[in-house]
Amino acid sequence: MLTYAVFFFAVAAVGGLVLASSVLRGKLAPWPLSLIHAGLGATGLVLLILAVMNGADNRITIALVILAVAALGGFFLASIHLRQKVAPSGVVIVHAGAAVIGFLLLAGTVYNLF
């Protein structure tokens, strides 16, 4: 289950790079890609929640919390996008930073890198 979560987050990250590149260039991100990015991230979060409920390692719980914070930032970014405005770069960077930290902790734990 955790391997699938890593996969979903990794694919979501690729989409996130495309979305961030649009926003950081001052353009609205493609809405269909935003929805796919959100769906992949949500799927990863659900898998992590199930793993934590079944007694996963404490590092998985910490990764879940960090990724949930990133998801909250994603909701905020989506609310800006819905108003047809380009999100502030700082918010995009904080969202991406939290997602990367959570992903690295998750992947590192799943693949016994530390």
C-alpha atoms as a PDB file:
ATOM      1  CA  MET A   1       0.000   0.000   0.000  1.00  0.00           C
ATOM      2  CA  LEU A   2       2.804   2.420   0.844  1.00  0.00           C
ATOM      3  CA  THR A   3       4.563   1.704  -2.441  1.00  0.00           C
ATOM      4  CA  TYR A   4       1.398   2.755  -4.248  1.00  0.00           C
ATOM      5  CA  ALA A   5       1.239   5.933  -2.170  1.00  0.00           C
ATOM      6  CA  VAL A   6       4.813   6.770  -3.183  1.00  0.00           C
ATOM      7  CA  PHE A   7       3.857   6.149  -6.823  1.00  0.00           C
ATOM      8  CA  PHE A   8       0.792   8.404  -6.688  1.00  0.00           C
ATOM      9  CA  PHE A   9       2.729  11.203  -4.998  1.00  0.00           C
ATOM     10  CA  ALA A  10       5.588  10.876  -7.503  1.00  0.00           C
ATOM     11  CA  VAL A  11       3.239  11.196 -10.474  1.00  0.00           C
ATOM     12  CA  ALA A  12       1.465  14.098  -8.754  1.00  0.00           C
ATOM     13  CA  ALA A  13       4.854  15.776  -8.298  1.00  0.00           C
ATOM     14  CA  VAL A  14       5.513  15.693 -12.034  1.00  0.00           C
ATOM     15  CA  GLY A  15       2.214  17.450 -12.626  1.00  0.00           C
ATOM     16  CA  GLY A  16       3.047  19.846  -9.813  1.00  0.00           C
ATOM     17  CA  LEU A  17       6.248  20.860 -11.563  1.00  0.00           C
ATOM     18  CA  VAL A  18       4.290  21.770 -14.687  1.00  0.00           C
ATOM     19  CA  LEU A  19       1.713  23.672 -12.639  1.00  0.00           C
ATOM     20  CA  ALA A  20       4.367  25.542 -10.662  1.00  0.00           C
ATOM     21  CA  SER A  21       6.260  26.483 -13.807  1.00  0.00           C
ATOM     22  CA  SER A  22       3.106  28.091 -15.202  1.00  0.00           C
ATOM     23  CA  VAL A  23       2.361  30.018 -12.036  1.00  0.00           C
ATOM     24  CA  LEU A  24       5.963  31.141 -11.531  1.00  0.00           C
ATOM     25  CA  ARG A  25       5.887  32.547 -15.087  1.00  0.00           C
ATOM     26  CA  GLY A  26       2.791  34.550 -14.177  1.00  0.00           C
ATOM     27  CA  LYS A  27       0.306  32.384 -16.083  1.00  0.00           C
ATOM     28  CA  LEU A  28      -2.755  30.498 -14.930  1.00  0.00           C
ATOM     29  CA  ALA A  29      -2.037  26.806 -14.584  1.00  0.00           C
ATOM     30  CA  PRO A  30      -4.033  24.409 -16.789  1.00  0.00           C
ATOM     31  CA  TRP A  31      -7.190  23.541 -14.858  1.00  0.00           C
ATOM     32  CA  PRO A  32      -7.427  19.881 -16.037  1.00  0.00           C
ATOM     33  CA  LEU A  33      -3.865  19.260 -14.862  1.00  0.00           C
ATOM     34  CA  SER A  34      -4.693  20.888 -11.521  1.00  0.00           C
ATOM     35  CA  LEU A  35      -7.559  18.440 -11.063  1.00  0.00           C
ATOM     36  CA  ILE A  36      -5.383  15.445 -11.959  1.00  0.00           C
ATOM     37  CA  HIS A  37      -2.659  16.699  -9.591  1.00  0.00           C
ATOM     38  CA  ALA A  38      -5.202  17.052  -6.773  1.00  0.00           C
ATOM     39  CA  GLY A  39      -6.734  13.639  -7.444  1.00  0.00           C
ATOM     40  CA  LEU A  40      -3.378  11.888  -7.395  1.00  0.00           C
ATOM     41  CA  GLY A  41      -2.390  13.669  -4.192  1.00  0.00           C
ATOM     42  CA  ALA A  42      -5.715  12.824  -2.556  1.00  0.00           C
ATOM     43  CA  THR A  43      -5.309   9.170  -3.519  1.00  0.00           C
ATOM     44  CA  GLY A  44      -1.852   9.141  -1.938  1.00  0.00           C
ATOM     45  CA  LEU A  45      -3.223  10.743   1.224  1.00  0.00           C
ATOM     46  CA  VAL A  46      -6.011   8.164   1.514  1.00  0.00           C
ATOM     47  CA  LEU A  47      -3.482   5.348   1.167  1.00  0.00           C
ATOM     48  CA  LEU A  48      -1.338   6.938   3.880  1.00  0.00           C
ATOM     49  CA  ILE A  49      -4.322   7.346   6.187  1.00  0.00           C
ATOM     50  CA  LEU A  50      -5.146   3.665   5.748  1.00  0.00           C
ATOM     51  CA  ALA A  51      -1.533   2.706   6.458  1.00  0.00           C
ATOM     52  CA  VAL A  52      -1.439   4.827   9.614  1.00  0.00           C
ATOM     53  CA  MET A  53      -4.750   3.348  10.778  1.00  0.00           C
ATOM     54  CA  ASN A  54      -3.189  -0.104  10.353  1.00  0.00           C
ATOM     55  CA  GLY A  55      -0.180   0.744  12.522  1.00  0.00           C
ATOM     56  CA  ALA A  56       2.440   2.097  10.128  1.00  0.00           C
ATOM     57  CA  ASP A  57       5.795   3.435  11.311  1.00  0.00           C
ATOM     58  CA  ASN A  58       5.747   6.799  13.127  1.00  0.00           C
ATOM     59  CA  ARG A  59       7.703   8.349  10.248  1.00  0.00           C
ATOM     60  CA  ILE A  60       4.778   7.515   7.967  1.00  0.00           C
ATOM     61  CA  THR A  61       2.479   9.389  10.344  1.00  0.00           C
ATOM     62  CA  ILE A  62       4.795  12.400  10.254  1.00  0.00           C
ATOM     63  CA  ALA A  63       4.914  12.226   6.443  1.00  0.00           C
ATOM     64  CA  LEU A  64       1.110  12.110   6.419  1.00  0.00           C
ATOM     65  CA  VAL A  65       0.875  15.235   8.579  1.00  0.00           C
ATOM     66  CA  ILE A  66       3.359  17.120   6.394  1.00  0.00           C
ATOM     67  CA  LEU A  67       1.602  16.043   3.207  1.00  0.00           C
ATOM     68  CA  ALA A  68      -1.771  17.010   4.717  1.00  0.00           C
ATOM     69  CA  VAL A  69      -0.368  20.499   5.362  1.00  0.00           C
ATOM     70  CA  ALA A  70       0.775  20.585   1.726  1.00  0.00           C
ATOM     71  CA  ALA A  71      -2.748  19.556   0.697  1.00  0.00           C
ATOM     72  CA  LEU A  72      -4.216  22.451   2.670  1.00  0.00           C
ATOM     73  CA  GLY A  73      -1.883  24.750   0.772  1.00  0.00           C
ATOM     74  CA  GLY A  74      -3.106  23.106  -2.424  1.00  0.00           C
ATOM     75  CA  PHE A  75      -6.722  23.871  -1.495  1.00  0.00           C
ATOM     76  CA  PHE A  76      -5.760  27.497  -0.954  1.00  0.00           C
ATOM     77  CA  LEU A  77      -4.007  27.588  -4.335  1.00  0.00           C
ATOM     78  CA  ALA A  78      -7.072  26.041  -5.993  1.00  0.00           C
ATOM     79  CA  SER A  79      -9.297  28.699  -4.424  1.00  0.00           C
ATOM     80  CA  ILE A  80      -7.114  31.393  -5.979  1.00  0.00           C
ATOM     81  CA  HIS A  81      -7.172  29.556  -9.305  1.00  0.00           C
ATOM     82  CA  LEU A  82     -10.978  29.350  -9.220  1.00  0.00           C
ATOM     83  CA  ARG A  83     -11.062  33.164  -9.076  1.00  0.00           C
ATOM     84  CA  GLN A  84      -9.011  33.232 -12.292  1.00  0.00           C
ATOM     85  CA  LYS A  85      -6.018  34.774 -10.523  1.00  0.00           C
ATOM     86  CA  VAL A  86      -2.401  33.699 -10.537  1.00  0.00           C
ATOM     87  CA  ALA A  87      -1.278  32.506  -7.119  1.00  0.00           C
ATOM     88  CA  PRO A  88       1.532  34.257  -5.247  1.00  0.00           C
ATOM     89  CA  SER A  89       4.892  32.610  -5.885  1.00  0.00           C
ATOM     90  CA  GLY A  90       5.602  32.293  -2.176  1.00  0.00           C
ATOM     91  CA  VAL A  91       2.525  30.171  -1.583  1.00  0.00           C
ATOM     92  CA  VAL A  92       3.450  27.906  -4.493  1.00  0.00           C
ATOM     93  CA  ILE A  93       6.980  27.486  -3.114  1.00  0.00           C
ATOM     94  CA  VAL A  94       5.758  26.712   0.423  1.00  0.00           C
ATOM     95  CA  HIS A  95       3.217  24.197  -0.932  1.00  0.00           C
ATOM     96  CA  ALA A  96       5.876  22.511  -3.064  1.00  0.00           C
ATOM     97  CA  GLY A  97       8.428  22.554  -0.251  1.00  0.00           C
ATOM     98  CA  ALA A  98       6.071  20.852   2.195  1.00  0.00           C
ATOM     99  CA  ALA A  99       5.118  18.282  -0.444  1.00  0.00           C
ATOM    100  CA  VAL A 100       8.760  17.513  -1.234  1.00  0.00           C
ATOM    101  CA  ILE A 101       9.684  17.126   2.440  1.00  0.00           C
ATOM    102  CA  GLY A 102       6.710  14.843   3.082  1.00  0.00           C
ATOM    103  CA  PHE A 103       7.428  12.818  -0.045  1.00  0.00           C
ATOM    104  CA  LEU A 104      11.113  12.377   0.803  1.00  0.00           C
ATOM    105  CA  LEU A 105      10.263  11.253   4.328  1.00  0.00           C
ATOM    106  CA  LEU A 106       7.682   8.813   2.974  1.00  0.00           C
ATOM    107  CA  ALA A 107       9.891   7.407   0.215  1.00  0.00           C
ATOM    108  CA  GLY A 108      12.915   7.226   2.504  1.00  0.00           C
ATOM    109  CA  THR A 109      10.931   5.264   5.063  1.00  0.00           C
ATOM    110  CA  VAL A 110       9.267   2.945   2.544  1.00  0.00           C
ATOM    111  CA  TYR A 111      12.552   2.139   0.793  1.00  0.00           C
ATOM    112  CA  ASN A 112      14.649   2.002   4.006  1.00  0.00           C
ATOM    113  CA  LEU A 113      16.924   4.855   2.937  1.00  0.00           C
ATOM    114  CA  PHE A 114      17.287   6.029   6.532  1.00  0.00           C
END
